[in-house]
Amino acid sequence: LGYMVRAISAEELAGHRAENDCWIAIHGDVYDVSSFVGEHPGGKQLLLDVAGYDGTAAFQTIHQKEIIDQHLPPGSKKGTISPSEQEKAKPPVKPNVSCLDW
Protein backbone atom coordinates (compact mmCIF):
# COMPACT_ATOMS: atom_id res chain seq x y z
CA LEU A 1 0.00 0.00 0.00
CA GLY A 2 1.25 3.48 -0.88
CA TYR A 3 1.59 6.13 1.78
CA MET A 4 -0.07 9.44 0.98
CA VAL A 5 1.89 12.43 2.17
CA ARG A 6 -0.39 15.21 3.30
CA ALA A 7 0.22 18.71 1.97
CA ILE A 8 0.14 21.28 4.77
CA SER A 9 -0.46 24.97 4.09
CA ALA A 10 1.24 27.87 5.87
CA GLU A 11 -2.17 28.73 7.32
CA GLU A 12 -2.62 25.24 8.81
CA LEU A 13 0.95 25.26 10.15
CA ALA A 14 0.29 28.64 11.81
CA GLY A 15 -2.53 27.04 13.81
CA HIS A 16 -0.01 25.02 15.83
CA ARG A 17 1.97 27.56 17.86
CA ALA A 18 1.32 26.39 21.42
CA GLU A 19 3.67 24.45 23.68
CA ASN A 20 1.24 21.50 23.74
CA ASP A 21 0.42 21.81 20.01
CA CYS A 22 3.71 22.71 18.35
CA TRP A 23 4.34 22.07 14.64
CA ILE A 24 7.47 23.22 12.82
CA ALA A 25 8.42 22.95 9.13
CA ILE A 26 12.01 21.86 8.50
CA HIS A 27 13.44 21.24 5.02
CA GLY A 28 9.94 21.00 3.51
CA ASP A 29 8.62 18.50 6.07
CA VAL A 30 6.20 19.42 8.85
CA TYR A 31 6.73 17.87 12.27
CA ASP A 32 4.67 17.83 15.44
CA VAL A 33 7.35 18.48 18.07
CA SER A 34 4.93 18.90 20.99
CA SER A 35 6.28 15.86 22.85
CA PHE A 36 9.87 17.12 22.43
CA VAL A 37 9.45 20.78 23.46
CA GLY A 38 10.33 20.15 27.12
CA GLU A 39 13.23 17.86 26.21
CA HIS A 40 14.98 20.13 23.69
CA PRO A 41 18.60 20.49 24.90
CA GLY A 42 18.70 24.14 23.83
CA GLY A 43 15.56 24.93 25.82
CA LYS A 44 11.92 25.01 24.82
CA GLN A 45 11.91 28.71 23.87
CA LEU A 46 14.03 28.04 20.78
CA LEU A 47 11.33 25.68 19.48
CA LEU A 48 8.46 27.94 20.53
CA ASP A 49 10.05 30.87 18.66
CA VAL A 50 9.53 28.99 15.38
CA ALA A 51 6.35 27.09 16.34
CA GLY A 52 3.87 27.34 13.48
CA TYR A 53 6.57 28.57 11.10
CA ASP A 54 9.29 27.27 8.82
CA GLY A 55 12.18 26.69 11.22
CA THR A 56 14.68 25.51 8.59
CA ALA A 57 17.03 28.50 8.86
CA ALA A 58 17.28 28.29 12.66
CA PHE A 59 17.51 24.48 12.60
CA GLN A 60 20.24 24.12 9.99
CA THR A 61 22.58 26.56 11.73
CA ILE A 62 22.97 23.97 14.50
CA HIS A 63 21.69 20.58 13.35
CA GLN A 64 21.99 18.04 10.55
CA LYS A 65 18.64 16.87 9.17
CA GLU A 66 19.26 13.29 10.39
CA ILE A 67 18.96 14.36 14.03
CA ILE A 68 15.18 14.65 13.62
CA ASP A 69 14.72 10.88 13.30
CA GLN A 70 16.97 10.32 16.30
CA HIS A 71 14.94 12.52 18.65
CA LEU A 72 11.33 12.62 17.48
CA PRO A 73 9.00 9.67 17.97
CA PRO A 74 7.74 7.79 14.90
CA GLY A 75 4.66 9.47 13.46
CA SER A 76 5.86 12.99 14.27
CA LYS A 77 5.96 13.92 10.58
CA LYS A 78 2.55 15.40 9.75
CA GLY A 79 3.16 16.05 6.06
CA THR A 80 5.02 18.33 3.70
CA ILE A 81 4.87 22.01 2.88
CA SER A 82 5.41 23.24 -0.69
CA PRO A 83 8.14 25.81 -1.44
CA SER A 84 5.54 28.53 -2.05
CA GLU A 85 3.77 27.79 1.24
CA GLN A 86 7.14 27.49 2.99
CA GLU A 87 7.95 31.04 1.84
CA LYS A 88 4.70 32.27 3.45
CA ALA A 89 5.60 30.44 6.68
CA LYS A 90 8.91 32.21 7.33
CA PRO A 91 9.11 33.40 10.95
CA PRO A 92 9.10 37.11 11.71
CA VAL A 93 12.58 38.59 11.83
CA LYS A 94 13.57 39.57 15.34
CA PRO A 95 15.81 42.61 15.70
CA ASN A 96 19.34 41.65 16.55
CA VAL A 97 20.29 43.95 19.42
CA SER A 98 23.76 43.89 20.83
CA CYS A 99 25.39 45.75 23.70
CA LEU A 100 27.63 47.32 21.05
CA ASP A 101 24.58 49.20 19.72
CA TRP A 102 24.40 51.38 22.86
PDB file of N, CA and C in Angstrom:
ATOM      1  N   LEU A   1       0.831  -1.196   0.000  1.00  0.00           N
ATOM      2  CA  LEU A   1       0.000   0.000   0.000  1.00  0.00           C
ATOM      3  C   LEU A   1       0.868   1.250   0.000  1.00  0.00           C
ATOM      4  N   GLY A   2       0.503   2.222  -0.805  1.00  0.00           N
ATOM      5  CA  GLY A   2       1.253   3.475  -0.876  1.00  0.00           C
ATOM      6  C   GLY A   2       0.888   4.396   0.271  1.00  0.00           C
ATOM      7  N   TYR A   3       1.818   5.180   0.695  1.00  0.00           N
ATOM      8  CA  TYR A   3       1.592   6.125   1.778  1.00  0.00           C
ATOM      9  C   TYR A   3       1.370   7.505   1.178  1.00  0.00           C
ATOM     10  N   MET A   4       0.238   8.096   1.474  1.00  0.00           N
ATOM     11  CA  MET A   4      -0.065   9.435   0.977  1.00  0.00           C
ATOM     12  C   MET A   4       0.540  10.472   1.918  1.00  0.00           C
ATOM     13  N   VAL A   5       1.320  11.359   1.365  1.00  0.00           N
ATOM     14  CA  VAL A   5       1.893  12.431   2.166  1.00  0.00           C
ATOM     15  C   VAL A   5       0.931  13.610   2.098  1.00  0.00           C
ATOM     16  N   ARG A   6       0.566  14.125   3.239  1.00  0.00           N
ATOM     17  CA  ARG A   6      -0.393  15.214   3.304  1.00  0.00           C
ATOM     18  C   ARG A   6       0.299  16.553   3.087  1.00  0.00           C
ATOM     19  N   ALA A   7      -0.281  17.362   2.219  1.00  0.00           N
ATOM     20  CA  ALA A   7       0.225  18.715   1.973  1.00  0.00           C
ATOM     21  C   ALA A   7      -0.339  19.643   3.044  1.00  0.00           C
ATOM     22  N   ILE A   8       0.543  20.378   3.691  1.00  0.00           N
ATOM     23  CA  ILE A   8       0.142  21.282   4.766  1.00  0.00           C
ATOM     24  C   ILE A   8       0.408  22.715   4.324  1.00  0.00           C
ATOM     25  N   SER A   9      -0.585  23.566   4.496  1.00  0.00           N
ATOM     26  CA  SER A   9      -0.460  24.973   4.095  1.00  0.00           C
ATOM     27  C   SER A   9       0.190  25.777   5.218  1.00  0.00           C
ATOM     28  N   ALA A  10       0.674  26.966   4.863  1.00  0.00           N
ATOM     29  CA  ALA A  10       1.243  27.874   5.868  1.00  0.00           C
ATOM     30  C   ALA A  10       0.174  28.238   6.897  1.00  0.00           C
ATOM     31  N   GLU A  11      -1.067  28.372   6.428  1.00  0.00           N
ATOM     32  CA  GLU A  11      -2.168  28.729   7.325  1.00  0.00           C
ATOM     33  C   GLU A  11      -2.419  27.611   8.344  1.00  0.00           C
ATOM     34  N   GLU A  12      -2.418  26.358   7.883  1.00  0.00           N
ATOM     35  CA  GLU A  12      -2.621  25.244   8.809  1.00  0.00           C
ATOM     36  C   GLU A  12      -1.455  25.150   9.792  1.00  0.00           C
ATOM     37  N   LEU A  13      -0.238  25.295   9.292  1.00  0.00           N
ATOM     38  CA  LEU A  13       0.954  25.259  10.145  1.00  0.00           C
ATOM     39  C   LEU A  13       0.860  26.323  11.235  1.00  0.00           C
ATOM     40  N   ALA A  14       0.394  27.519  10.870  1.00  0.00           N
ATOM     41  CA  ALA A  14       0.288  28.638  11.806  1.00  0.00           C
ATOM     42  C   ALA A  14      -0.695  28.363  12.945  1.00  0.00           C
ATOM     43  N   GLY A  15      -1.564  27.385  12.771  1.00  0.00           N
ATOM     44  CA  GLY A  15      -2.532  27.039  13.814  1.00  0.00           C
ATOM     45  C   GLY A  15      -1.946  26.179  14.917  1.00  0.00           C
ATOM     46  N   HIS A  16      -0.656  25.922  14.854  1.00  0.00           N
ATOM     47  CA  HIS A  16      -0.011  25.024  15.829  1.00  0.00           C
ATOM     48  C   HIS A  16       1.188  25.720  16.465  1.00  0.00           C
ATOM     49  N   ARG A  17       0.904  26.749  17.267  1.00  0.00           N
ATOM     50  CA  ARG A  17       1.970  27.561  17.863  1.00  0.00           C
ATOM     51  C   ARG A  17       2.004  27.489  19.386  1.00  0.00           C
ATOM     52  N   ALA A  18       1.355  26.508  19.961  1.00  0.00           N
ATOM     53  CA  ALA A  18       1.322  26.389  21.420  1.00  0.00           C
ATOM     54  C   ALA A  18       2.305  25.318  21.892  1.00  0.00           C
ATOM     55  N   GLU A  19       2.706  25.416  23.136  1.00  0.00           N
ATOM     56  CA  GLU A  19       3.669  24.449  23.679  1.00  0.00           C
ATOM     57  C   GLU A  19       3.143  23.019  23.583  1.00  0.00           C
ATOM     58  N   ASN A  20       1.832  22.845  23.791  1.00  0.00           N
ATOM     59  CA  ASN A  20       1.245  21.501  23.744  1.00  0.00           C
ATOM     60  C   ASN A  20       0.690  21.150  22.359  1.00  0.00           C
ATOM     61  N   ASP A  21       0.870  22.026  21.396  1.00  0.00           N
ATOM     62  CA  ASP A  21       0.423  21.813  20.011  1.00  0.00           C
ATOM     63  C   ASP A  21       1.391  22.566  19.109  1.00  0.00           C
ATOM     64  N   CYS A  22       2.582  22.005  18.951  1.00  0.00           N
ATOM     65  CA  CYS A  22       3.707  22.710  18.349  1.00  0.00           C
ATOM     66  C   CYS A  22       4.184  22.003  17.086  1.00  0.00           C
ATOM     67  N   TRP A  23       3.893  22.607  15.933  1.00  0.00           N
ATOM     68  CA  TRP A  23       4.344  22.075  14.643  1.00  0.00           C
ATOM     69  C   TRP A  23       5.391  23.014  14.062  1.00  0.00           C
ATOM     70  N   ILE A  24       6.416  22.439  13.450  1.00  0.00           N
ATOM     71  CA  ILE A  24       7.475  23.221  12.818  1.00  0.00           C
ATOM     72  C   ILE A  24       7.805  22.588  11.467  1.00  0.00           C
ATOM     73  N   ALA A  25       7.981  23.428  10.444  1.00  0.00           N
ATOM     74  CA  ALA A  25       8.420  22.946   9.128  1.00  0.00           C
ATOM     75  C   ALA A  25       9.945  23.009   9.087  1.00  0.00           C
ATOM     76  N   ILE A  26      10.558  21.912   8.639  1.00  0.00           N
ATOM     77  CA  ILE A  26      12.012  21.857   8.499  1.00  0.00           C
ATOM     78  C   ILE A  26      12.328  21.142   7.196  1.00  0.00           C
ATOM     79  N   HIS A  27      13.060  21.811   6.310  1.00  0.00           N
ATOM     80  CA  HIS A  27      13.442  21.245   5.015  1.00  0.00           C
ATOM     81  C   HIS A  27      12.247  20.686   4.244  1.00  0.00           C
ATOM     82  N   GLY A  28      11.114  21.395   4.287  1.00  0.00           N
ATOM     83  CA  GLY A  28       9.941  21.004   3.512  1.00  0.00           C
ATOM     84  C   GLY A  28       9.050  19.956   4.167  1.00  0.00           C
ATOM     85  N   ASP A  29       9.458  19.452   5.329  1.00  0.00           N
ATOM     86  CA  ASP A  29       8.625  18.498   6.069  1.00  0.00           C
ATOM     87  C   ASP A  29       8.058  19.203   7.294  1.00  0.00           C
ATOM     88  N   VAL A  30       6.841  18.818   7.686  1.00  0.00           N
ATOM     89  CA  VAL A  30       6.204  19.425   8.854  1.00  0.00           C
ATOM     90  C   VAL A  30       6.154  18.384   9.966  1.00  0.00           C
ATOM     91  N   TYR A  31       6.659  18.777  11.126  1.00  0.00           N
ATOM     92  CA  TYR A  31       6.733  17.870  12.273  1.00  0.00           C
ATOM     93  C   TYR A  31       5.943  18.415  13.450  1.00  0.00           C
ATOM     94  N   ASP A  32       5.290  17.504  14.173  1.00  0.00           N
ATOM     95  CA  ASP A  32       4.668  17.828  15.445  1.00  0.00           C
ATOM     96  C   ASP A  32       5.732  17.569  16.500  1.00  0.00           C
ATOM     97  N   VAL A  33       6.272  18.617  17.080  1.00  0.00           N
ATOM     98  CA  VAL A  33       7.352  18.482  18.067  1.00  0.00           C
ATOM     99  C   VAL A  33       6.847  18.694  19.495  1.00  0.00           C
ATOM    100  N   SER A  34       5.527  18.648  19.677  1.00  0.00           N
ATOM    101  CA  SER A  34       4.925  18.901  20.986  1.00  0.00           C
ATOM    102  C   SER A  34       5.542  18.045  22.089  1.00  0.00           C
ATOM    103  N   SER A  35       5.760  16.768  21.820  1.00  0.00           N
ATOM    104  CA  SER A  35       6.282  15.863  22.845  1.00  0.00           C
ATOM    105  C   SER A  35       7.759  16.118  23.145  1.00  0.00           C
ATOM    106  N   PHE A  36       8.438  16.878  22.290  1.00  0.00           N
ATOM    107  CA  PHE A  36       9.871  17.117  22.433  1.00  0.00           C
ATOM    108  C   PHE A  36      10.197  18.499  23.005  1.00  0.00           C
ATOM    109  N   VAL A  37       9.208  19.387  23.049  1.00  0.00           N
ATOM    110  CA  VAL A  37       9.452  20.776  23.465  1.00  0.00           C
ATOM    111  C   VAL A  37      10.188  20.836  24.798  1.00  0.00           C
ATOM    112  N   GLY A  38       9.716  20.113  25.795  1.00  0.00           N
ATOM    113  CA  GLY A  38      10.327  20.149  27.119  1.00  0.00           C
ATOM    114  C   GLY A  38      11.665  19.445  27.203  1.00  0.00           C
ATOM    115  N   GLU A  39      11.988  18.623  26.210  1.00  0.00           N
ATOM    116  CA  GLU A  39      13.232  17.861  26.212  1.00  0.00           C
ATOM    117  C   GLU A  39      14.330  18.500  25.364  1.00  0.00           C
ATOM    118  N   HIS A  40      14.009  19.526  24.605  1.00  0.00           N
ATOM    119  CA  HIS A  40      14.982  20.132  23.690  1.00  0.00           C
ATOM    120  C   HIS A  40      16.203  20.620  24.474  1.00  0.00           C
ATOM    121  N   PRO A  41      17.393  20.114  24.150  1.00  0.00           N
ATOM    122  CA  PRO A  41      18.598  20.491  24.899  1.00  0.00           C
ATOM    123  C   PRO A  41      18.887  21.993  24.913  1.00  0.00           C
ATOM    124  N   GLY A  42      18.473  22.699  23.878  1.00  0.00           N
ATOM    125  CA  GLY A  42      18.697  24.145  23.827  1.00  0.00           C
ATOM    126  C   GLY A  42      17.624  24.952  24.530  1.00  0.00           C
ATOM    127  N   GLY A  43      16.664  24.261  25.138  1.00  0.00           N
ATOM    128  CA  GLY A  43      15.563  24.934  25.823  1.00  0.00           C
ATOM    129  C   GLY A  43      14.332  25.020  24.942  1.00  0.00           C
ATOM    130  N   LYS A  44      13.177  25.031  25.576  1.00  0.00           N
ATOM    131  CA  LYS A  44      11.922  25.014  24.820  1.00  0.00           C
ATOM    132  C   LYS A  44      11.663  26.298  24.050  1.00  0.00           C
ATOM    133  N   GLN A  45      12.210  27.434  24.532  1.00  0.00           N
ATOM    134  CA  GLN A  45      11.914  28.707  23.873  1.00  0.00           C
ATOM    135  C   GLN A  45      12.408  28.741  22.426  1.00  0.00           C
ATOM    136  N   LEU A  46      13.520  28.067  22.154  1.00  0.00           N
ATOM    137  CA  LEU A  46      14.031  28.036  20.779  1.00  0.00           C
ATOM    138  C   LEU A  46      13.031  27.379  19.835  1.00  0.00           C
ATOM    139  N   LEU A  47      12.356  26.335  20.308  1.00  0.00           N
ATOM    140  CA  LEU A  47      11.331  25.684  19.484  1.00  0.00           C
ATOM    141  C   LEU A  47      10.079  26.553  19.405  1.00  0.00           C
ATOM    142  N   LEU A  48       9.684  27.135  20.527  1.00  0.00           N
ATOM    143  CA  LEU A  48       8.464  27.941  20.533  1.00  0.00           C
ATOM    144  C   LEU A  48       8.607  29.193  19.672  1.00  0.00           C
ATOM    145  N   ASP A  49       9.830  29.700  19.509  1.00  0.00           N
ATOM    146  CA  ASP A  49      10.052  30.874  18.656  1.00  0.00           C
ATOM    147  C   ASP A  49       9.718  30.590  17.193  1.00  0.00           C
ATOM    148  N   VAL A  50       9.824  29.334  16.773  1.00  0.00           N
ATOM    149  CA  VAL A  50       9.529  28.985  15.382  1.00  0.00           C
ATOM    150  C   VAL A  50       8.294  28.072  15.263  1.00  0.00           C
ATOM    151  N   ALA A  51       7.574  27.897  16.362  1.00  0.00           N
ATOM    152  CA  ALA A  51       6.352  27.086  16.339  1.00  0.00           C
ATOM    153  C   ALA A  51       5.355  27.699  15.365  1.00  0.00           C
ATOM    154  N   GLY A  52       4.829  26.867  14.466  1.00  0.00           N
ATOM    155  CA  GLY A  52       3.868  27.342  13.484  1.00  0.00           C
ATOM    156  C   GLY A  52       4.507  28.007  12.278  1.00  0.00           C
ATOM    157  N   TYR A  53       5.821  27.933  12.201  1.00  0.00           N
ATOM    158  CA  TYR A  53       6.569  28.567  11.102  1.00  0.00           C
ATOM    159  C   TYR A  53       7.523  27.559  10.447  1.00  0.00           C
ATOM    160  N   ASP A  54       8.201  28.033   9.427  1.00  0.00           N
ATOM    161  CA  ASP A  54       9.295  27.274   8.819  1.00  0.00           C
ATOM    162  C   ASP A  54      10.538  27.552   9.655  1.00  0.00           C
ATOM    163  N   GLY A  55      11.019  26.534  10.352  1.00  0.00           N
ATOM    164  CA  GLY A  55      12.176  26.694  11.222  1.00  0.00           C
ATOM    165  C   GLY A  55      13.480  26.243  10.593  1.00  0.00           C
ATOM    166  N   THR A  56      13.490  26.040   9.273  1.00  0.00           N
ATOM    167  CA  THR A  56      14.676  25.506   8.594  1.00  0.00           C
ATOM    168  C   THR A  56      15.927  26.338   8.858  1.00  0.00           C
ATOM    169  N   ALA A  57      15.843  27.647   8.713  1.00  0.00           N
ATOM    170  CA  ALA A  57      17.029  28.501   8.865  1.00  0.00           C
ATOM    171  C   ALA A  57      17.624  28.363  10.258  1.00  0.00           C
ATOM    172  N   ALA A  58      16.788  28.412  11.285  1.00  0.00           N
ATOM    173  CA  ALA A  58      17.278  28.285  12.660  1.00  0.00           C
ATOM    174  C   ALA A  58      17.825  26.877  12.904  1.00  0.00           C
ATOM    175  N   PHE A  59      17.121  25.873  12.393  1.00  0.00           N
ATOM    176  CA  PHE A  59      17.509  24.478  12.596  1.00  0.00           C
ATOM    177  C   PHE A  59      18.858  24.164  11.965  1.00  0.00           C
ATOM    178  N   GLN A  60      19.036  24.542  10.719  1.00  0.00           N
ATOM    179  CA  GLN A  60      20.237  24.118   9.995  1.00  0.00           C
ATOM    180  C   GLN A  60      21.501  24.846  10.442  1.00  0.00           C
ATOM    181  N   THR A  61      21.376  25.920  11.208  1.00  0.00           N
ATOM    182  CA  THR A  61      22.582  26.564  11.727  1.00  0.00           C
ATOM    183  C   THR A  61      23.238  25.707  12.810  1.00  0.00           C
ATOM    184  N   ILE A  62      22.473  24.792  13.391  1.00  0.00           N
ATOM    185  CA  ILE A  62      22.974  23.970  14.498  1.00  0.00           C
ATOM    186  C   ILE A  62      22.959  22.478  14.197  1.00  0.00           C
ATOM    187  N   HIS A  63      21.927  22.015  13.497  1.00  0.00           N
ATOM    188  CA  HIS A  63      21.692  20.576  13.349  1.00  0.00           C
ATOM    189  C   HIS A  63      21.828  20.062  11.917  1.00  0.00           C
ATOM    190  N   GLN A  64      22.115  18.781  11.805  1.00  0.00           N
ATOM    191  CA  GLN A  64      21.994  18.043  10.549  1.00  0.00           C
ATOM    192  C   GLN A  64      20.564  17.498  10.510  1.00  0.00           C
ATOM    193  N   LYS A  65      20.023  17.327   9.324  1.00  0.00           N
ATOM    194  CA  LYS A  65      18.638  16.869   9.167  1.00  0.00           C
ATOM    195  C   LYS A  65      18.392  15.517   9.850  1.00  0.00           C
ATOM    196  N   GLU A  66      19.408  14.645   9.847  1.00  0.00           N
ATOM    197  CA  GLU A  66      19.257  13.292  10.392  1.00  0.00           C
ATOM    198  C   GLU A  66      18.925  13.269  11.884  1.00  0.00           C
ATOM    199  N   ILE A  67      19.207  14.341  12.593  1.00  0.00           N
ATOM    200  CA  ILE A  67      18.961  14.364  14.033  1.00  0.00           C
ATOM    201  C   ILE A  67      17.469  14.275  14.350  1.00  0.00           C
ATOM    202  N   ILE A  68      16.630  14.680  13.406  1.00  0.00           N
ATOM    203  CA  ILE A  68      15.180  14.646  13.616  1.00  0.00           C
ATOM    204  C   ILE A  68      14.723  13.227  13.918  1.00  0.00           C
ATOM    205  N   ASP A  69      15.136  12.273  13.094  1.00  0.00           N
ATOM    206  CA  ASP A  69      14.716  10.881  13.295  1.00  0.00           C
ATOM    207  C   ASP A  69      15.258  10.296  14.595  1.00  0.00           C
ATOM    208  N   GLN A  70      16.375  10.828  15.063  1.00  0.00           N
ATOM    209  CA  GLN A  70      16.973  10.323  16.298  1.00  0.00           C
ATOM    210  C   GLN A  70      16.224  10.792  17.540  1.00  0.00           C
ATOM    211  N   HIS A  71      15.538  11.937  17.456  1.00  0.00           N
ATOM    212  CA  HIS A  71      14.939  12.523  18.649  1.00  0.00           C
ATOM    213  C   HIS A  71      13.411  12.594  18.662  1.00  0.00           C
ATOM    214  N   LEU A  72      12.787  12.551  17.504  1.00  0.00           N
ATOM    215  CA  LEU A  72      11.325  12.623  17.482  1.00  0.00           C
ATOM    216  C   LEU A  72      10.735  11.229  17.365  1.00  0.00           C
ATOM    217  N   PRO A  73       9.623  10.990  18.057  1.00  0.00           N
ATOM    218  CA  PRO A  73       9.004   9.666  17.966  1.00  0.00           C
ATOM    219  C   PRO A  73       8.442   9.403  16.571  1.00  0.00           C
ATOM    220  N   PRO A  74       8.343   8.129  16.194  1.00  0.00           N
ATOM    221  CA  PRO A  74       7.738   7.786  14.897  1.00  0.00           C
ATOM    222  C   PRO A  74       6.342   8.407  14.813  1.00  0.00           C
ATOM    223  N   GLY A  75       5.975   8.853  13.636  1.00  0.00           N
ATOM    224  CA  GLY A  75       4.658   9.467  13.460  1.00  0.00           C
ATOM    225  C   GLY A  75       4.649  10.965  13.702  1.00  0.00           C
ATOM    226  N   SER A  76       5.806  11.549  14.025  1.00  0.00           N
ATOM    227  CA  SER A  76       5.861  12.993  14.268  1.00  0.00           C
ATOM    228  C   SER A  76       5.718  13.804  12.990  1.00  0.00           C
ATOM    229  N   LYS A  77       6.082  13.203  11.852  1.00  0.00           N
ATOM    230  CA  LYS A  77       5.956  13.920  10.585  1.00  0.00           C
ATOM    231  C   LYS A  77       4.484  13.979  10.202  1.00  0.00           C
ATOM    232  N   LYS A  78       3.963  15.193  10.062  1.00  0.00           N
ATOM    233  CA  LYS A  78       2.551  15.400   9.753  1.00  0.00           C
ATOM    234  C   LYS A  78       2.297  15.517   8.264  1.00  0.00           C
ATOM    235  N   GLY A  79       3.329  15.883   7.495  1.00  0.00           N
ATOM    236  CA  GLY A  79       3.159  16.053   6.058  1.00  0.00           C
ATOM    237  C   GLY A  79       4.283  16.898   5.504  1.00  0.00           C
ATOM    238  N   THR A  80       4.020  17.485   4.351  1.00  0.00           N
ATOM    239  CA  THR A  80       5.023  18.330   3.704  1.00  0.00           C
ATOM    240  C   THR A  80       4.421  19.704   3.429  1.00  0.00           C
ATOM    241  N   ILE A  81       5.305  20.665   3.220  1.00  0.00           N
ATOM    242  CA  ILE A  81       4.871  22.014   2.876  1.00  0.00           C
ATOM    243  C   ILE A  81       5.586  22.391   1.579  1.00  0.00           C
ATOM    244  N   SER A  82       4.829  22.903   0.614  1.00  0.00           N
ATOM    245  CA  SER A  82       5.405  23.240  -0.691  1.00  0.00           C
ATOM    246  C   SER A  82       6.317  24.461  -0.557  1.00  0.00           C
ATOM    247  N   PRO A  83       7.251  24.634  -1.503  1.00  0.00           N
ATOM    248  CA  PRO A  83       8.139  25.806  -1.436  1.00  0.00           C
ATOM    249  C   PRO A  83       7.381  27.137  -1.368  1.00  0.00           C
ATOM    250  N   SER A  84       6.284  27.262  -2.091  1.00  0.00           N
ATOM    251  CA  SER A  84       5.543  28.533  -2.052  1.00  0.00           C
ATOM    252  C   SER A  84       4.890  28.748  -0.689  1.00  0.00           C
ATOM    253  N   GLU A  85       4.363  27.692  -0.091  1.00  0.00           N
ATOM    254  CA  GLU A  85       3.770  27.794   1.244  1.00  0.00           C
ATOM    255  C   GLU A  85       4.865  27.992   2.289  1.00  0.00           C
ATOM    256  N   GLN A  86       6.005  27.364   2.073  1.00  0.00           N
ATOM    257  CA  GLN A  86       7.138  27.491   2.988  1.00  0.00           C
ATOM    258  C   GLN A  86       7.588  28.959   3.054  1.00  0.00           C
ATOM    259  N   GLU A  87       7.578  29.617   1.910  1.00  0.00           N
ATOM    260  CA  GLU A  87       7.951  31.040   1.843  1.00  0.00           C
ATOM    261  C   GLU A  87       7.004  31.885   2.696  1.00  0.00           C
ATOM    262  N   LYS A  88       5.706  31.546   2.665  1.00  0.00           N
ATOM    263  CA  LYS A  88       4.702  32.274   3.451  1.00  0.00           C
ATOM    264  C   LYS A  88       4.855  31.994   4.943  1.00  0.00           C
ATOM    265  N   ALA A  89       5.507  30.883   5.288  1.00  0.00           N
ATOM    266  CA  ALA A  89       5.602  30.445   6.683  1.00  0.00           C
ATOM    267  C   ALA A  89       6.901  30.869   7.360  1.00  0.00           C
ATOM    268  N   LYS A  90       7.655  31.762   6.716  1.00  0.00           N
ATOM    269  CA  LYS A  90       8.911  32.213   7.333  1.00  0.00           C
ATOM    270  C   LYS A  90       8.593  32.962   8.636  1.00  0.00           C
ATOM    271  N   PRO A  91       9.375  32.716   9.683  1.00  0.00           N
ATOM    272  CA  PRO A  91       9.107  33.401  10.952  1.00  0.00           C
ATOM    273  C   PRO A  91       9.425  34.885  10.855  1.00  0.00           C
ATOM    274  N   PRO A  92       8.790  35.685  11.716  1.00  0.00           N
ATOM    275  CA  PRO A  92       9.095  37.113  11.715  1.00  0.00           C
ATOM    276  C   PRO A  92      10.557  37.326  12.108  1.00  0.00           C
ATOM    277  N   VAL A  93      11.177  38.302  11.528  1.00  0.00           N
ATOM    278  CA  VAL A  93      12.582  38.587  11.833  1.00  0.00           C
ATOM    279  C   VAL A  93      12.630  39.372  13.138  1.00  0.00           C
ATOM    280  N   LYS A  94      13.411  38.877  14.071  1.00  0.00           N
ATOM    281  CA  LYS A  94      13.567  39.575  15.341  1.00  0.00           C
ATOM    282  C   LYS A  94      14.773  40.502  15.233  1.00  0.00           C
ATOM    283  N   PRO A  95      14.660  41.715  15.756  1.00  0.00           N
ATOM    284  CA  PRO A  95      15.810  42.606  15.700  1.00  0.00           C
ATOM    285  C   PRO A  95      16.984  42.028  16.486  1.00  0.00           C
ATOM    286  N   ASN A  96      18.149  42.164  15.918  1.00  0.00           N
ATOM    287  CA  ASN A  96      19.341  41.649  16.553  1.00  0.00           C
ATOM    288  C   ASN A  96      20.004  42.803  17.315  1.00  0.00           C
ATOM    289  N   VAL A  97      19.778  42.856  18.611  1.00  0.00           N
ATOM    290  CA  VAL A  97      20.291  43.953  19.423  1.00  0.00           C
ATOM    291  C   VAL A  97      21.507  43.472  20.193  1.00  0.00           C
ATOM    292  N   SER A  98      22.535  44.253  20.153  1.00  0.00           N
ATOM    293  CA  SER A  98      23.765  43.892  20.828  1.00  0.00           C
ATOM    294  C   SER A  98      24.147  45.020  21.771  1.00  0.00           C
ATOM    295  N   CYS A  99      24.939  44.698  22.780  1.00  0.00           N
ATOM    296  CA  CYS A  99      25.390  45.750  23.704  1.00  0.00           C
ATOM    297  C   CYS A  99      26.263  46.767  22.980  1.00  0.00           C
ATOM    298  N   LEU A 100      26.798  46.400  21.820  1.00  0.00           N
ATOM    299  CA  LEU A 100      27.627  47.318  21.049  1.00  0.00           C
ATOM    300  C   LEU A 100      26.799  48.413  20.382  1.00  0.00           C
ATOM    301  N   ASP A 101      25.457  48.206  20.340  1.00  0.00           N
ATOM    302  CA  ASP A 101      24.580  49.201  19.721  1.00  0.00           C
ATOM    303  C   ASP A 101      24.324  50.390  20.621  1.00  0.00           C
ATOM    304  N   TRP A 102      24.714  50.318  21.897  1.00  0.00           N
ATOM    305  CA  TRP A 102      24.399  51.381  22.855  1.00  0.00           C
ATOM    306  C   TRP A 102      25.484  52.400  22.931  1.00  0.00           C
TER     307      TRP A 102
END
